[in-house]
N, C-alpha and C. Protein backbone atom coordinates (compact mmCIF):
# COMPACT_ATOMS: atom_id res chain seq x y z
N GLN A 1 109.09 96.73 83.48
CA GLN A 1 107.45 96.44 83.84
C GLN A 1 107.23 94.47 84.43
N LEU A 2 108.16 93.76 83.75
CA LEU A 2 108.07 92.53 85.01
C LEU A 2 107.90 92.29 86.35
N VAL A 3 108.72 93.32 87.21
CA VAL A 3 108.51 93.36 88.44
C VAL A 3 107.08 94.20 88.90
N ARG A 4 106.51 92.94 89.66
CA ARG A 4 105.45 93.33 90.26
C ARG A 4 105.45 93.80 91.78
N LEU A 5 106.40 93.00 92.51
CA LEU A 5 106.64 93.41 94.44
C LEU A 5 108.13 93.51 94.19
N PHE A 6 108.54 94.38 95.17
CA PHE A 6 109.48 95.00 95.78
C PHE A 6 109.66 94.84 97.02
N LEU A 7 110.36 93.63 97.47
CA LEU A 7 110.33 93.39 98.97
C LEU A 7 111.84 93.68 99.54
N ILE A 8 111.38 94.58 100.45
CA ILE A 8 112.31 95.06 101.41
C ILE A 8 112.87 94.82 102.60
N ASP A 9 113.75 93.56 103.10
CA ASP A 9 114.03 92.69 104.42
C ASP A 9 114.75 93.94 105.03
N GLU A 10 114.84 93.86 106.28
CA GLU A 10 115.07 94.37 107.42
C GLU A 10 115.40 95.70 107.11
N ALA A 11 114.27 96.12 106.97
CA ALA A 11 113.74 97.94 106.43
C ALA A 11 114.71 98.65 107.45
N HIS A 12 114.37 98.17 108.75
CA HIS A 12 115.01 99.13 109.42
C HIS A 12 116.40 99.41 109.31
N VAL A 13 117.52 99.07 108.31
CA VAL A 13 118.91 99.70 108.17
C VAL A 13 118.57 100.69 107.56
N VAL A 14 118.01 101.52 106.92
CA VAL A 14 117.54 102.71 106.34
C VAL A 14 118.01 103.76 107.64
N LYS A 15 117.96 103.43 108.79
CA LYS A 15 118.30 104.31 109.88
C LYS A 15 120.08 104.34 109.89
N ASP A 16 120.36 103.08 109.28
CA ASP A 16 121.81 102.41 109.52
C ASP A 16 123.00 103.86 108.83
N GLU A 17 124.28 103.95 109.16
CA GLU A 17 124.82 105.13 108.86
C GLU A 17 125.37 104.63 107.72
N SER A 18 126.01 103.24 107.71
CA SER A 18 126.92 103.22 106.68
C SER A 18 125.88 102.43 105.42
N ARG A 19 124.84 101.60 105.51
CA ARG A 19 123.96 101.52 104.54
C ARG A 19 122.82 101.68 104.33
N GLY A 20 122.32 102.55 105.36
CA GLY A 20 120.80 103.02 105.24
C GLY A 20 120.46 104.26 103.76
N ALA A 21 121.66 105.18 103.57
CA ALA A 21 121.62 106.01 102.34
C ALA A 21 121.48 105.05 101.05
N THR A 22 122.13 103.84 100.97
CA THR A 22 122.04 102.67 99.98
C THR A 22 121.12 102.70 99.73
N LEU A 23 120.11 101.99 100.93
CA LEU A 23 118.49 101.52 100.47
C LEU A 23 117.91 102.73 100.41
N GLU A 24 117.91 103.68 100.84
CA GLU A 24 117.16 104.73 100.31
C GLU A 24 117.14 104.59 98.99
N VAL A 25 118.40 105.18 98.46
CA VAL A 25 118.50 105.57 97.24
C VAL A 25 117.99 104.46 96.34
N VAL A 26 118.13 102.99 96.06
CA VAL A 26 117.66 101.82 95.69
C VAL A 26 116.30 102.29 95.90
N VAL A 27 115.31 102.16 96.84
CA VAL A 27 113.90 102.32 96.79
C VAL A 27 113.34 103.50 95.59
N SER A 28 113.84 104.56 96.32
CA SER A 28 113.53 105.74 95.56
C SER A 28 113.62 105.56 94.21
N ARG A 29 114.64 105.02 93.46
CA ARG A 29 115.00 104.73 92.26
C ARG A 29 114.10 103.89 91.65
N MET A 30 113.58 102.70 92.74
CA MET A 30 112.67 101.84 92.27
C MET A 30 111.14 102.70 92.17
N LYS A 31 111.19 103.75 92.87
CA LYS A 31 110.09 104.41 92.83
C LYS A 31 110.00 105.73 91.45
N THR A 32 110.88 105.96 91.41
CA THR A 32 110.79 107.07 89.97
C THR A 32 110.63 105.89 88.77
N VAL A 33 111.18 104.77 88.92
CA VAL A 33 111.27 103.79 87.44
C VAL A 33 109.73 103.46 87.38
N GLN A 34 108.76 103.23 88.86
CA GLN A 34 107.08 102.87 88.69
C GLN A 34 106.44 103.95 88.12
N LEU A 35 106.85 105.43 88.65
CA LEU A 35 106.15 106.50 87.82
C LEU A 35 106.38 106.68 86.31
N ALA A 36 107.57 106.48 86.01
CA ALA A 36 108.02 106.62 85.03
C ALA A 36 107.06 105.10 84.05
N VAL A 37 106.86 104.49 84.50
CA VAL A 37 106.30 103.35 83.72
C VAL A 37 104.71 103.48 83.58
N LEU A 38 104.06 103.71 84.72
CA LEU A 38 102.81 103.88 84.76
C LEU A 38 102.25 105.09 83.88
N ARG A 39 103.12 106.11 83.83
CA ARG A 39 102.67 107.22 82.99
C ARG A 39 103.17 107.15 81.43
N SER A 40 104.08 105.86 81.30
CA SER A 40 104.06 105.72 79.83
C SER A 40 103.43 104.44 79.13
N SER A 41 102.49 103.85 80.16
CA SER A 41 102.15 103.07 79.53
C SER A 41 100.51 103.01 80.10
N SER A 42 99.70 101.88 79.81
CA SER A 42 98.46 102.02 79.60
C SER A 42 97.97 100.99 80.95
N GLN A 43 98.83 100.48 81.54
CA GLN A 43 98.42 99.71 82.50
C GLN A 43 97.67 99.79 83.65
N PRO A 44 96.76 99.38 84.24
CA PRO A 44 95.88 99.59 85.30
C PRO A 44 96.62 99.43 86.57
N ALA A 45 96.34 100.33 87.25
CA ALA A 45 96.91 100.81 88.15
C ALA A 45 96.89 99.48 89.20
N ASP A 46 96.08 98.44 89.43
CA ASP A 46 96.68 97.58 90.06
C ASP A 46 97.44 96.54 89.61
N LYS A 47 98.03 96.98 88.59
CA LYS A 47 99.55 96.47 88.13
C LYS A 47 100.85 96.68 88.57
N ALA A 48 100.68 98.20 89.14
CA ALA A 48 101.59 98.76 89.40
C ALA A 48 102.95 98.12 90.42
N LEU A 49 103.76 98.38 90.53
CA LEU A 49 104.75 97.51 91.47
C LEU A 49 104.09 98.00 93.11
N ARG A 50 104.45 96.75 93.90
CA ARG A 50 103.92 96.87 95.01
C ARG A 50 105.39 96.69 96.14
N PHE A 51 105.11 97.83 96.97
CA PHE A 51 106.69 97.51 98.22
C PHE A 51 106.03 96.93 99.28
N VAL A 52 106.84 96.37 99.63
CA VAL A 52 106.41 95.74 100.81
C VAL A 52 107.87 95.59 101.83
N ALA A 53 107.79 96.48 103.07
CA ALA A 53 108.76 95.96 103.57
C ALA A 53 109.05 95.93 105.20
N VAL A 54 109.82 94.91 105.35
CA VAL A 54 109.71 94.04 106.55
C VAL A 54 110.85 94.28 107.83
N SER A 55 110.14 94.40 109.02
CA SER A 55 111.46 94.60 109.90
C SER A 55 111.14 94.27 111.00
N ALA A 56 111.91 93.43 112.03
CA ALA A 56 111.56 93.51 113.21
C ALA A 56 111.65 94.12 114.11
N THR A 57 112.48 95.59 113.68
CA THR A 57 112.89 96.52 114.91
C THR A 57 112.43 97.88 114.92
N ILE A 58 111.55 97.95 113.56
CA ILE A 58 111.43 99.45 113.24
C ILE A 58 110.45 100.15 113.96
N PRO A 59 110.53 101.41 114.57
CA PRO A 59 109.45 101.67 115.46
C PRO A 59 108.43 102.78 114.38
N ASN A 60 108.90 103.34 113.61
CA ASN A 60 108.13 104.18 112.62
C ASN A 60 107.35 103.65 111.70
N VAL A 61 106.60 102.71 111.83
CA VAL A 61 106.27 101.76 110.20
C VAL A 61 105.27 102.59 109.84
N GLU A 62 104.04 103.60 110.37
CA GLU A 62 103.62 104.79 109.67
C GLU A 62 104.44 105.49 108.88
N ASP A 63 105.44 105.82 109.18
CA ASP A 63 106.32 106.94 107.97
C ASP A 63 107.03 106.08 106.96
N ILE A 64 107.53 105.05 107.49
CA ILE A 64 107.75 104.03 106.23
C ILE A 64 106.89 103.82 105.35
N ALA A 65 105.80 103.29 105.43
CA ALA A 65 104.62 103.45 104.85
C ALA A 65 104.19 104.48 103.88
N GLU A 66 104.35 105.54 105.02
CA GLU A 66 103.96 106.54 104.07
C GLU A 66 104.89 107.12 102.81
N TRP A 67 106.26 106.91 103.12
CA TRP A 67 107.28 106.92 102.09
C TRP A 67 106.90 106.04 100.92
N LEU A 68 106.79 104.57 101.21
CA LEU A 68 106.51 103.82 100.01
C LEU A 68 105.63 103.67 99.47
N SER A 69 104.46 104.45 100.08
CA SER A 69 102.75 104.88 99.23
C SER A 69 103.55 105.08 97.95
N ASP A 70 102.32 105.15 97.09
CA ASP A 70 102.14 105.69 95.81
C ASP A 70 102.00 107.10 95.54
N GLY A 71 101.04 107.69 96.97
CA GLY A 71 100.89 109.16 96.62
C GLY A 71 99.59 109.42 96.41
N LYS A 72 98.74 107.83 95.80
CA LYS A 72 97.28 108.21 95.45
C LYS A 72 96.22 107.73 96.51
N GLY A 73 97.12 106.95 97.16
CA GLY A 73 96.28 106.92 98.67
C GLY A 73 97.29 106.15 99.71
N PRO A 74 96.57 106.05 101.01
CA PRO A 74 97.71 106.20 102.13
C PRO A 74 98.44 105.03 101.98
N GLY A 75 99.59 104.62 102.40
CA GLY A 75 100.56 103.61 102.68
C GLY A 75 99.74 102.57 103.78
N ILE A 76 99.78 101.64 103.70
CA ILE A 76 99.44 100.73 104.49
C ILE A 76 100.45 99.94 105.27
N SER A 77 100.61 99.87 106.51
CA SER A 77 101.21 99.50 107.62
C SER A 77 100.38 98.39 108.68
N MET A 78 101.01 97.08 109.00
CA MET A 78 100.81 96.31 109.70
C MET A 78 102.24 96.37 110.93
N LYS A 79 101.08 96.54 112.23
CA LYS A 79 102.21 96.17 113.37
C LYS A 79 101.99 94.89 113.95
N ILE A 80 103.02 93.82 114.26
CA ILE A 80 102.49 92.54 114.16
C ILE A 80 103.50 92.31 115.30
N ASP A 81 102.58 91.75 116.65
CA ASP A 81 103.29 91.32 117.88
C ASP A 81 103.84 89.99 118.03
N GLU A 82 104.44 89.67 119.08
CA GLU A 82 104.92 88.42 119.01
C GLU A 82 103.85 87.11 119.48
N SER A 83 102.50 87.70 119.68
CA SER A 83 101.71 86.66 120.00
C SER A 83 101.31 85.84 118.51
N HIS A 84 101.69 86.65 117.65
CA HIS A 84 101.30 86.16 116.19
C HIS A 84 102.77 84.97 115.52
N ARG A 85 103.41 85.12 116.59
CA ARG A 85 104.95 84.18 115.85
C ARG A 85 104.35 82.46 116.02
N PRO A 86 104.51 81.70 115.01
CA PRO A 86 104.42 79.99 114.87
C PRO A 86 105.15 79.75 116.10
N VAL A 87 106.28 80.35 116.19
CA VAL A 87 107.41 79.55 117.59
C VAL A 87 107.94 80.81 118.50
N LYS A 88 107.77 80.50 119.53
CA LYS A 88 107.70 81.40 120.51
C LYS A 88 109.22 82.11 120.50
N LEU A 89 109.92 83.05 120.77
CA LEU A 89 110.88 83.92 121.04
C LEU A 89 111.39 83.52 122.39
N ARG A 90 112.59 82.66 122.97
CA ARG A 90 113.13 82.66 124.25
C ARG A 90 113.98 83.72 124.08
N LYS A 91 113.80 84.24 125.40
CA LYS A 91 114.76 85.47 126.17
C LYS A 91 115.37 85.09 126.96
N VAL A 92 117.14 85.21 126.98
CA VAL A 92 118.08 84.51 127.64
C VAL A 92 118.99 85.84 128.01
N VAL A 93 119.16 86.35 129.34
CA VAL A 93 120.36 86.82 129.49
C VAL A 93 121.70 85.81 130.30
N LEU A 94 122.75 85.90 129.56
CA LEU A 94 123.46 85.34 130.14
C LEU A 94 125.14 85.92 130.93
N GLY A 95 125.13 85.43 131.81
CA GLY A 95 126.24 86.31 132.56
C GLY A 95 127.56 85.54 132.91
N PHE A 96 128.40 86.16 132.95
CA PHE A 96 129.58 85.58 133.46
C PHE A 96 130.71 86.21 134.35
N PRO A 97 131.09 85.44 135.03
CA PRO A 97 131.75 85.96 136.04
C PRO A 97 133.37 86.76 135.54
N CYS A 98 133.51 87.91 136.07
CA CYS A 98 135.16 88.52 135.57
C CYS A 98 136.03 87.72 136.46
N SER A 99 137.11 87.48 135.79
CA SER A 99 138.50 87.26 136.85
C SER A 99 138.94 88.67 137.31
N ASN A 100 139.43 88.21 138.25
CA ASN A 100 140.29 89.41 138.87
C ASN A 100 141.12 90.18 138.20
N THR A 101 141.86 90.12 136.71
CA THR A 101 142.17 90.79 135.94
C THR A 101 141.41 91.50 135.02
N GLN A 102 140.30 91.21 135.25
CA GLN A 102 139.33 91.68 134.18
C GLN A 102 138.25 93.09 135.01
N SER A 103 137.75 93.82 133.95
CA SER A 103 136.90 94.54 135.05
C SER A 103 135.54 94.54 134.07
N GLU A 104 134.74 95.03 134.69
CA GLU A 104 133.16 94.84 133.99
C GLU A 104 133.13 95.66 133.17
């Protein structure tokens, strides 16, 4: 009952073969705990656990938001592009010549 925010950093890990299932189980367990606490107490809905998932590379943010929603309302998702970054990313491609004994 003391937890009010559950932050999921690197949410794109959910599609990873080795770690995705673990993340999904942990989040699902927290959702189950949240429902049990809400059913057994008289806490107002605004005191419920809030899920926040962040990722720089997840393409299906609407699906993740729906999965994390409480079922009483739609999940809210926000797509933020690079124009909102305080420090611009520099994208560089480096090439190195191969020696005669190496293949590309």
